[in-house]
Every structure is written in structure tokens, then in C-alpha cells.
């Protein structure tokens, strides 16, 4: 594969819209442009991000005919626009990389004899909700974890989801962002792992900004909002133990207009990414009590890169970021274990910060741009060997 190889990345919604998966794809597109010709097909992208990609030599193709208002509308409008999509694939693709939900493109790529890759950032491949609760931390039914409204939407979505999710099997290869995500997905969908590789996402940029003026003097930061899957129900309980050590919890992403303190928790609205990072820089630690199998959470990566301790559940790809022998894992949500981890932060805070700095150096080395590109190129070589066999 050379600079003449043309990769078409299909992502219906591009950064800064969406979340960690969209940010990862934006960083991957920039990275791939170092070695390949890259086109990004998307219905929506930020103006600044579009300019940055074009400066990197990426062709950004606007696809307003893709309706991004819901998952099913993405699929339906991509199917209705299949001839437009087919022409783009014929004209611009040696390889089609589906970064999010563009599964109809996999069928067209297969019909055209074009190599295609699933880049899986969540668990939509095995559940319509895209999440996978961790049995280590919860046995609660999904209706409680998702909430009644989201659970009913999941039920209603299931028949159509089954229809479109089968298209994933047409891909030439799959990329997973963590070993844990691969193992969970492959147990449920072994066909996705015929040609599969674990390639961690590029490290996120750490933009600078001014921290909010209302921050407490000493605090830990939680950024998951009111989601039970992110562990919001644990925040107040753990705050009761942290306050005994002089620490507040600053909890962002909540539906409040102004920061409001209650029970040792300062609830705050969603912050811009820059303001969030500035707040993290001021924090004593990051609180990450997620109860879902997070594929590879950027929140934990950012904390490590900033040398911050993390009070984290051992879920998903978190041990691949923090390491197996990390001193501040939340073992369970019992009062004893919550009190223990709060006390350990006070006792082992500097040791945990030193551990984070060591892990930061390891990530900077192991997940360097050149090593990530080499792993991607190795996957392409494997796919070409299988194709030509």
C-alpha cells in the first residue's frame, strides 16, 4: 500500500459533532493522510475541522442526502442514495473504511470488489443500544440502566437493526479499539473476527484553555453527566467519603444552568472540551465509575496524559490504559470499597500520579502515530493476502 492507495472513510457525523468515536475518526483521518490518499464522506462536519483536514490533503465530500437525525434514517437514506454512494466508491476507493454506521456501503463495496473495513468504536455490532454493561459491577436489567424511554427505543429498533447489522459480515476486515472490546464482540459475532486487528485510537490533543473560576480549591472531576451507565448513581455516594478527606466532586454534563453544590458534589453544565481539560488540569484526580464495558475511553487517556490519578472501575479498555497493576481501581460499589478507594487517593495520590506519568510515557511510545500506521498497514497487507489467495 502506498500514497497512491485511496481510502474512502465513510462517517455520517464528523467531529466536533458526536463523541469519542467521532474524535477518534477525525484523528485517524489526519493520520491516514500521511501515507494514503484519503477522502472523507460525511453529512456534517465542523468548519474548522474541515479546513484542517483539507490542509492535510484530505478531500471532504459533503453528503447532505444522508439524514443523521436517527440511526435508522442514516441507514434508510444511505440505501436510497446507493447509486451516489456507488459512484463515489468507484471513483475514489481502493479501500472503504466504515467508521460509524455506514453499513450499506459495505454491501456496495462487496459488489464492486473493493476491500472494506469495519472500524468499531462501540457495541452496536452486538446490541441496538451500542452499550455493554459490565457484569463485574451490575446485574441490573437493561431497562433500569438505559431508562424506560431509551429502552423502548431499543426494543422498537431491534428488527431493523438486525437487518442492517448483518451487513457487517460483508466487510473484508474489522478493527477494534481495545482487546476487551474485541473479545466481547467476537464471542457474540465470531464472523467479524475472521480478519481482525486491535489498533488503539490516536492519542487526543490536549488543548489549552482557562479553567472556570467557580472551581473548589480541592476536587476530583467527573464528566459523565447524569447517565447511570457512566456511574452517576455512584458519584454522590463516593463524594460522601471524599469529603472526609477535604475533596469535593465537580460533576459536569448535568442539566443545570449554574454550578450547584449539594452533598459534596458541585453539579455543573456541560463544558467545552477546552474548559473540561482545563478543569481536569486543576483536579486532584479523575473519577470514572462507569458500569459499561467502555471500549477505550478518551476521558481516562486524557487524565493519564496529564499525569492525573484516576478512580476508575476495571471495565472495557481501561486496564489497557492504566495497566493491570493500578492502585486506585474501584473494586465494587460497597460502602467499604468506596471508603477504601477514597482513603487510598489521599494516601497513594502521589504514587498514583507517578504511575499515571509512567503510563503516559508508555502510551506516547506504544500508540505513537508511526506505530499505529504500521499496525493499520499490516492489517491491509493481511487483507490483500487473503483476497489474492
Protein backbone atom coordinates (compact mmCIF):
# COMPACT_ATOMS: atom_id res chain seq x y z
CA UNK A 1 0.00 0.00 0.00
CA UNK A 2 1.35 3.43 -0.97
CA UNK A 3 0.41 7.08 -1.12
CA UNK A 4 -1.44 6.19 -4.31
CA UNK A 5 -3.79 3.90 -2.36
CA UNK A 6 -7.11 5.72 -1.99
CA UNK A 7 -9.03 5.24 1.26
CA UNK A 8 -12.65 6.37 1.42
CA UNK A 9 -13.73 6.96 5.02
CA UNK A 10 -17.50 6.99 5.50
CA UNK A 11 -18.74 8.71 8.63
CA UNK A 12 -22.21 10.22 8.62
CA UNK A 13 -21.48 12.62 11.50
CA UNK A 14 -17.97 14.01 11.94
CA UNK A 15 -16.13 15.82 14.73
CA UNK A 16 -16.81 18.07 16.61
CA UNK A 17 -20.30 16.57 16.50
CA UNK A 18 -20.82 13.30 18.36
CA UNK A 19 -18.40 11.98 20.96
CA UNK A 20 -15.22 9.97 21.42
CA UNK A 21 -15.76 7.80 18.34
CA UNK A 22 -16.09 10.87 16.12
CA UNK A 23 -12.99 12.46 17.64
CA UNK A 24 -11.06 9.23 17.11
CA UNK A 25 -12.12 9.07 13.44
CA UNK A 26 -11.11 12.71 12.90
CA UNK A 27 -7.66 11.92 14.32
CA UNK A 28 -7.43 8.73 12.25
CA UNK A 29 -8.27 10.59 9.02
CA UNK A 30 -5.49 13.09 9.74
CA UNK A 31 -3.13 10.21 10.49
CA UNK A 32 -4.01 8.15 7.41
CA UNK A 33 -3.43 11.18 5.17
CA UNK A 34 0.31 10.88 5.96
CA UNK A 35 0.55 7.65 3.96
CA UNK A 36 -2.56 7.44 1.76
CA UNK A 37 -4.89 9.48 -0.37
CA UNK A 38 -7.95 9.96 1.83
CA UNK A 39 -11.49 11.09 1.14
CA UNK A 40 -13.97 11.65 3.96
CA UNK A 41 -17.65 11.33 3.10
CA UNK A 42 -19.85 12.94 5.74
CA UNK A 43 -23.15 14.73 6.13
CA UNK A 44 -21.95 17.06 8.87
CA UNK A 45 -18.55 18.33 9.99
CA UNK A 46 -17.25 21.41 11.79
CA UNK A 47 -15.89 24.22 9.59
CA UNK A 48 -12.57 24.36 11.45
CA UNK A 49 -12.14 20.59 11.30
CA UNK A 50 -12.95 20.54 7.58
CA UNK A 51 -10.29 23.19 6.95
CA UNK A 52 -7.70 21.27 8.99
CA UNK A 53 -8.38 18.05 7.05
CA UNK A 54 -8.17 19.81 3.69
CA UNK A 55 -4.83 21.34 4.74
CA UNK A 56 -3.69 17.73 5.35
CA UNK A 57 -4.65 16.87 1.78
CA UNK A 58 -7.94 15.13 2.67
CA UNK A 59 -10.83 15.57 0.27
CA UNK A 60 -14.01 16.20 2.26
CA UNK A 61 -17.16 15.24 0.34
CA UNK A 62 -20.35 16.72 1.76
CA UNK A 63 -23.29 14.29 1.64
CA UNK A 64 -26.41 16.27 2.65
CA UNK A 65 -28.61 13.43 1.40
CA UNK A 66 -27.66 11.37 4.48
CA UNK A 67 -30.15 12.11 7.27
CA UNK A 68 -28.28 11.98 10.60
CA UNK A 69 -31.30 12.62 12.83
CA UNK A 70 -31.50 8.93 13.80
CA UNK A 71 -29.68 5.67 13.20
CA UNK A 72 -32.46 4.27 11.04
CA UNK A 73 -32.62 7.40 8.91
CA UNK A 74 -28.88 7.15 8.33
CA UNK A 75 -29.34 3.62 7.03
CA UNK A 76 -32.50 4.36 5.03
CA UNK A 77 -31.12 7.48 3.32
CA UNK A 78 -27.82 5.74 2.54
CA UNK A 79 -29.78 2.96 0.88
CA UNK A 80 -31.88 5.45 -1.09
CA UNK A 81 -28.68 7.19 -2.14
CA UNK A 82 -26.93 3.94 -3.01
CA UNK A 83 -26.18 4.96 -6.61
CA UNK A 84 -24.49 8.16 -5.41
CA UNK A 85 -22.54 6.09 -2.93
CA UNK A 86 -21.64 3.52 -5.60
CA UNK A 87 -20.25 6.23 -7.88
CA UNK A 88 -18.14 7.68 -5.06
CA UNK A 89 -16.79 4.22 -4.22
CA UNK A 90 -15.96 3.51 -7.88
CA UNK A 91 -14.26 6.88 -8.35
CA UNK A 92 -12.47 7.31 -5.02
CA UNK A 93 -11.91 4.00 -3.26
CA UNK A 94 -9.32 1.27 -3.24
CA UNK A 95 -10.41 0.71 0.37
CA UNK A 96 -13.68 1.66 2.09
CA UNK A 97 -13.43 2.28 5.82
CA UNK A 98 -16.79 2.48 7.60
CA UNK A 99 -16.12 4.40 10.78
CA UNK A 100 -19.61 4.51 12.29
CA UNK A 101 -22.97 3.46 10.83
CA UNK A 102 -22.43 3.42 7.08
CA UNK A 103 -23.13 -0.31 6.77
CA UNK A 104 -24.93 -0.05 3.38
CA UNK A 105 -21.54 0.95 1.92
CA UNK A 106 -20.20 -2.50 2.84
CA UNK A 107 -22.70 -4.16 0.52
CA UNK A 108 -21.73 -1.87 -2.36
CA UNK A 109 -18.02 -2.39 -1.70
CA UNK A 110 -18.54 -6.17 -1.78
CA UNK A 111 -20.47 -5.90 -5.07
CA UNK A 112 -17.71 -3.74 -6.57
CA UNK A 113 -14.89 -6.00 -5.34
CA UNK A 114 -13.45 -3.24 -3.13
CA UNK A 115 -11.74 -4.00 0.18
CA UNK A 116 -13.81 -2.75 3.14
CA UNK A 117 -13.08 -2.36 6.83
CA UNK A 118 -15.37 -2.02 9.85
CA UNK A 119 -13.87 0.38 12.39
CA UNK A 120 -15.86 -0.47 15.51
CA UNK A 121 -15.95 2.13 18.30
CA UNK A 122 -18.82 0.74 20.39
CA UNK A 123 -21.02 -2.36 20.69
CA UNK A 124 -23.67 -1.65 18.06
CA UNK A 125 -22.46 -4.83 16.36
CA UNK A 126 -23.99 -6.89 19.19
CA UNK A 127 -26.72 -4.69 20.71
CA UNK A 128 -29.00 -1.97 19.28
CA UNK A 129 -28.13 0.32 22.20
CA UNK A 130 -24.42 0.22 21.43
CA UNK A 131 -23.54 -0.45 25.09
CA UNK A 132 -22.48 -3.49 27.06
CA UNK A 133 -22.98 -3.39 30.85
CA UNK A 134 -20.16 -4.84 32.93
CA UNK A 135 -21.29 -7.87 34.91
CA UNK A 136 -18.43 -7.17 37.30
CA UNK A 137 -20.33 -4.09 38.57
CA UNK A 138 -24.01 -4.58 37.84
CA UNK A 139 -26.68 -7.22 37.39
CA UNK A 140 -29.41 -4.62 36.92
CA UNK A 141 -31.80 -5.13 33.98
CA UNK A 142 -31.10 -3.06 30.88
CA UNK A 143 -34.36 -1.14 31.26
CA UNK A 144 -33.05 0.31 34.52
CA UNK A 145 -29.63 1.11 33.09
CA UNK A 146 -30.91 2.72 29.90
CA UNK A 147 -34.06 4.25 31.35
CA UNK A 148 -37.58 3.38 30.12
CA UNK A 149 -37.59 5.76 27.16
CA UNK A 150 -34.25 4.65 25.75
CA UNK A 151 -35.07 1.01 26.44
CA UNK A 152 -38.34 1.24 24.49
CA UNK A 153 -36.49 2.86 21.60
CA UNK A 154 -34.05 -0.05 21.72
CA UNK A 155 -36.92 -2.56 21.50
CA UNK A 156 -38.51 -0.71 18.62
CA UNK A 157 -35.19 -0.51 16.81
CA UNK A 158 -34.29 -4.19 17.10
CA UNK A 159 -35.96 -5.63 13.95
CA UNK A 160 -34.42 -3.04 11.62
CA UNK A 161 -31.11 -3.20 13.49
CA UNK A 162 -30.94 -6.96 12.82
CA UNK A 163 -31.43 -6.33 9.13
CA UNK A 164 -28.63 -3.79 8.81
CA UNK A 165 -26.21 -5.28 11.30
CA UNK A 166 -25.88 -8.37 9.08
CA UNK A 167 -24.08 -6.15 6.56
CA UNK A 168 -21.08 -6.01 8.89
CA UNK A 169 -20.29 -9.59 7.89
CA UNK A 170 -19.57 -8.42 4.34
CA UNK A 171 -16.51 -6.43 5.40
CA UNK A 172 -13.04 -7.66 4.50
CA UNK A 173 -11.72 -6.92 8.00
CA UNK A 174 -12.61 -5.39 11.35
CA UNK A 175 -10.67 -3.01 13.58
CA UNK A 176 -11.31 -2.98 17.33
CA UNK A 177 -10.02 -0.23 19.60
CA UNK A 178 -9.23 -2.48 22.59
CA UNK A 179 -8.65 -6.15 23.27
CA UNK A 180 -11.60 -6.25 25.65
CA UNK A 181 -13.95 -4.82 23.01
CA UNK A 182 -12.68 -7.39 20.51
CA UNK A 183 -13.17 -10.31 22.91
CA UNK A 184 -16.72 -9.28 23.89
CA UNK A 185 -17.75 -8.69 20.28
CA UNK A 186 -16.10 -11.83 18.89
CA UNK A 187 -17.85 -14.09 21.38
CA UNK A 188 -21.18 -12.83 20.08
CA UNK A 189 -20.21 -12.28 16.42
CA UNK A 190 -17.28 -14.57 15.53
CA UNK A 191 -17.60 -13.85 11.80
CA UNK A 192 -16.45 -10.28 12.46
CA UNK A 193 -13.13 -11.67 13.66
CA UNK A 194 -12.05 -13.65 10.60
CA UNK A 195 -9.62 -10.83 9.76
CA UNK A 196 -9.45 -8.60 12.80
CA UNK A 197 -6.95 -6.37 14.50
CA UNK A 198 -6.81 -4.38 17.73
CA UNK A 199 -5.47 -0.92 16.95
CA UNK A 200 -5.78 1.65 19.68
CA UNK A 201 -7.07 5.09 18.76
CA UNK A 202 -4.68 8.02 18.23
CA UNK A 203 -3.91 9.99 21.38
CA UNK A 204 -6.17 13.04 21.75
CA UNK A 205 -4.89 16.62 21.60
CA UNK A 206 -4.72 18.44 24.94
CA UNK A 207 -5.85 21.93 24.00
CA UNK A 208 -5.27 24.77 26.45
CA UNK A 209 -7.99 26.97 27.94
CA UNK A 210 -8.77 28.88 31.11
CA UNK A 211 -10.41 26.86 33.91
CA UNK A 212 -13.77 28.05 35.29
CA UNK A 213 -13.46 30.49 38.20
CA UNK A 214 -16.01 28.70 40.38
CA UNK A 215 -13.95 25.55 40.98
CA UNK A 216 -13.43 24.43 44.61
CA UNK A 217 -9.89 24.53 45.99
CA UNK A 218 -9.56 20.72 46.06
CA UNK A 219 -11.71 18.41 43.96
CA UNK A 220 -11.91 15.35 41.74
CA UNK A 221 -13.58 15.63 38.34
CA UNK A 222 -16.44 13.51 37.00
CA UNK A 223 -17.54 14.21 33.42
CA UNK A 224 -20.19 11.58 32.69
CA UNK A 225 -23.33 13.61 33.30
CA UNK A 226 -26.50 12.01 34.72
CA UNK A 227 -26.07 8.68 32.90
CA UNK A 228 -26.39 5.65 35.15
CA UNK A 229 -24.18 3.71 32.74
CA UNK A 230 -21.44 6.26 33.36
CA UNK A 231 -21.86 5.71 37.10
CA UNK A 232 -23.77 8.87 38.04
CA UNK A 233 -25.54 6.98 40.84
CA UNK A 234 -22.14 6.31 42.45
CA UNK A 235 -20.92 9.92 42.40
CA UNK A 236 -22.85 11.15 45.43
CA UNK A 237 -22.04 8.02 47.45
CA UNK A 238 -18.33 8.34 46.75
CA UNK A 239 -18.48 12.09 47.37
CA UNK A 240 -19.62 11.34 50.93
CA UNK A 241 -16.31 9.56 51.50
CA UNK A 242 -14.13 12.02 49.58
CA UNK A 243 -15.44 14.99 51.55
CA UNK A 244 -13.99 13.40 54.67
CA UNK A 245 -10.59 13.98 53.04
CA UNK A 246 -11.35 17.57 52.08
CA UNK A 247 -12.28 16.83 48.47
CA UNK A 248 -15.36 17.85 46.50
CA UNK A 249 -16.57 16.17 43.32
CA UNK A 250 -17.06 18.52 40.36
CA UNK A 251 -19.64 16.73 38.20
CA UNK A 252 -20.10 18.15 34.69
CA UNK A 253 -22.68 17.48 31.99
CA UNK A 254 -25.73 17.87 34.23
CA UNK A 255 -28.95 19.73 33.28
CA UNK A 256 -28.26 22.78 35.46
CA UNK A 257 -27.80 26.39 34.38
CA UNK A 258 -25.22 27.25 37.01
CA UNK A 259 -22.86 25.20 39.22
CA UNK A 260 -24.78 23.99 42.28
CA UNK A 261 -23.27 22.30 45.33
CA UNK A 262 -25.14 19.54 47.14
CA UNK A 263 -23.76 16.84 49.42
CA UNK A 264 -20.15 17.44 48.46
CA UNK A 265 -20.91 17.42 44.72
CA UNK A 266 -20.72 20.57 42.57
CA UNK A 267 -23.13 19.84 39.71
CA UNK A 268 -22.23 21.82 36.59
CA UNK A 269 -23.45 22.04 32.98
CA UNK A 270 -21.57 20.53 30.07
CA UNK A 271 -18.22 22.23 29.50
CA UNK A 272 -16.48 22.83 26.20
CA UNK A 273 -13.70 20.35 25.56
CA UNK A 274 -11.09 23.02 26.28
CA UNK A 275 -12.74 24.08 29.54
CA UNK A 276 -13.12 20.44 30.57
CA UNK A 277 -9.39 19.80 30.04
CA UNK A 278 -8.53 22.99 31.93
CA UNK A 279 -10.71 21.75 34.81
CA UNK A 280 -9.00 18.35 34.69
CA UNK A 281 -5.63 20.07 34.95
CA UNK A 282 -6.78 21.69 38.22
CA UNK A 283 -8.28 18.48 39.64
CA UNK A 284 -6.64 16.15 42.13
CA UNK A 285 -7.93 13.17 40.12
CA UNK A 286 -10.48 11.97 37.59
CA UNK A 287 -13.48 9.98 38.79
CA UNK A 288 -14.51 7.33 36.24
CA UNK A 289 -17.08 4.96 37.81
CA UNK A 290 -18.54 3.62 34.55
CA UNK A 291 -20.52 0.38 34.70
CA UNK A 292 -20.33 -0.35 30.98
CA UNK A 293 -17.53 -2.04 29.06
CA UNK A 294 -16.05 1.17 27.70
CA UNK A 295 -14.13 0.29 24.51
CA UNK A 296 -11.31 2.84 25.04
CA UNK A 297 -12.45 5.96 26.93
CA UNK A 298 -10.66 9.15 25.95
CA UNK A 299 -11.52 10.64 29.36
CA UNK A 300 -9.13 8.17 31.02
CA UNK A 301 -6.49 8.64 28.30
CA UNK A 302 -6.58 12.42 28.80
CA UNK A 303 -6.15 12.07 32.57
CA UNK A 304 -3.15 9.78 32.09
CA UNK A 305 -1.54 12.14 29.57
CA UNK A 306 -1.93 14.93 32.14
CA UNK A 307 -0.41 12.76 34.88
CA UNK A 308 -3.63 12.65 36.91
CA UNK A 309 -4.68 9.74 39.14
CA UNK A 310 -7.96 8.08 38.13
CA UNK A 311 -10.51 6.49 40.45
CA UNK A 312 -11.77 4.00 37.89
CA UNK A 313 -13.78 0.85 37.50
CA UNK A 314 -11.96 -2.01 35.81
CA UNK A 315 -14.13 -2.04 32.67
CA UNK A 316 -13.52 -2.42 28.94
CA UNK A 317 -10.26 -0.96 27.70
CA UNK A 318 -9.48 0.90 30.95
CA UNK A 319 -6.81 -1.64 32.07
CA UNK A 320 -5.15 -1.23 28.67
CA UNK A 321 -4.74 2.46 29.51
CA UNK A 322 -3.98 2.30 33.24
CA UNK A 323 -2.33 -1.13 33.40
CA UNK A 324 -3.41 -4.20 35.33
CA UNK A 325 -1.48 -3.32 38.50
CA UNK A 326 -3.09 0.04 39.17
CA UNK A 327 -3.68 1.01 42.84
CA UNK A 328 -6.91 3.02 42.52
CA UNK A 329 -9.35 0.69 40.80
CA UNK A 330 -12.86 0.72 42.32
CA UNK A 331 -13.32 -2.94 43.26
CA UNK A 332 -17.06 -2.74 43.96
CA UNK A 333 -19.68 -0.20 44.97
CA UNK A 334 -19.97 -1.40 48.56
CA UNK A 335 -19.56 1.32 51.19
CA UNK A 336 -16.40 -0.42 52.37
CA UNK A 337 -14.75 -0.37 48.95
CA UNK A 338 -15.85 3.20 48.19
CA UNK A 339 -14.44 4.38 51.52
CA UNK A 340 -11.27 2.42 50.81
CA UNK A 341 -10.65 3.95 47.38
CA UNK A 342 -11.32 7.46 48.75
CA UNK A 343 -8.77 6.86 51.51
CA UNK A 344 -6.32 5.37 49.01
CA UNK A 345 -6.45 8.53 46.89
CA UNK A 346 -5.40 10.55 49.93
CA UNK A 347 -2.71 8.03 50.87
CA UNK A 348 -1.46 6.98 47.42
CA UNK A 349 -2.23 10.11 45.40
CA UNK A 350 1.40 10.92 44.57
CA UNK A 351 2.19 7.27 43.87
CA UNK A 352 -0.85 7.06 41.56
CA UNK A 353 0.18 10.29 39.83
CA UNK A 354 3.67 8.86 39.27
CA UNK A 355 2.05 5.69 37.88
CA UNK A 356 -0.03 7.87 35.52
CA UNK A 357 3.10 9.65 34.32
CA UNK A 358 4.79 6.32 33.60
CA UNK A 359 1.71 5.10 31.75
CA UNK A 360 1.68 8.37 29.79
CA UNK A 361 5.18 7.67 28.53
CA UNK A 362 4.17 4.14 27.60
CA UNK A 363 1.12 5.35 25.66
CA UNK A 364 3.16 8.01 23.87
CA UNK A 365 5.56 5.27 22.79
CA UNK A 366 3.22 2.34 22.10
CA UNK A 367 0.47 4.44 20.50
CA UNK A 368 2.74 6.74 18.52
CA UNK A 369 1.44 7.83 15.10
CA UNK A 370 4.01 5.74 13.22
CA UNK A 371 3.27 2.58 15.20
CA UNK A 372 -0.49 2.99 14.72
CA UNK A 373 0.00 3.48 10.99
CA UNK A 374 2.28 0.43 10.83
CA UNK A 375 -0.41 -1.69 12.51
CA UNK A 376 -3.04 -0.39 10.09
CA UNK A 377 -0.75 -1.15 7.16
CA UNK A 378 -0.16 -4.67 8.49
CA UNK A 379 -3.92 -5.24 8.54
CA UNK A 380 -4.21 -4.05 4.93
CA UNK A 381 -1.42 -6.42 3.90
CA UNK A 382 -3.21 -9.31 5.59
CA UNK A 383 -6.45 -8.46 3.81
CA UNK A 384 -4.64 -8.27 0.46
CA UNK A 385 -3.06 -11.69 1.06
CA UNK A 386 -6.46 -13.22 1.85
CA UNK A 387 -8.01 -11.51 -1.17
CA UNK A 388 -5.32 -12.78 -3.54
CA UNK A 389 -5.16 -16.30 -2.08
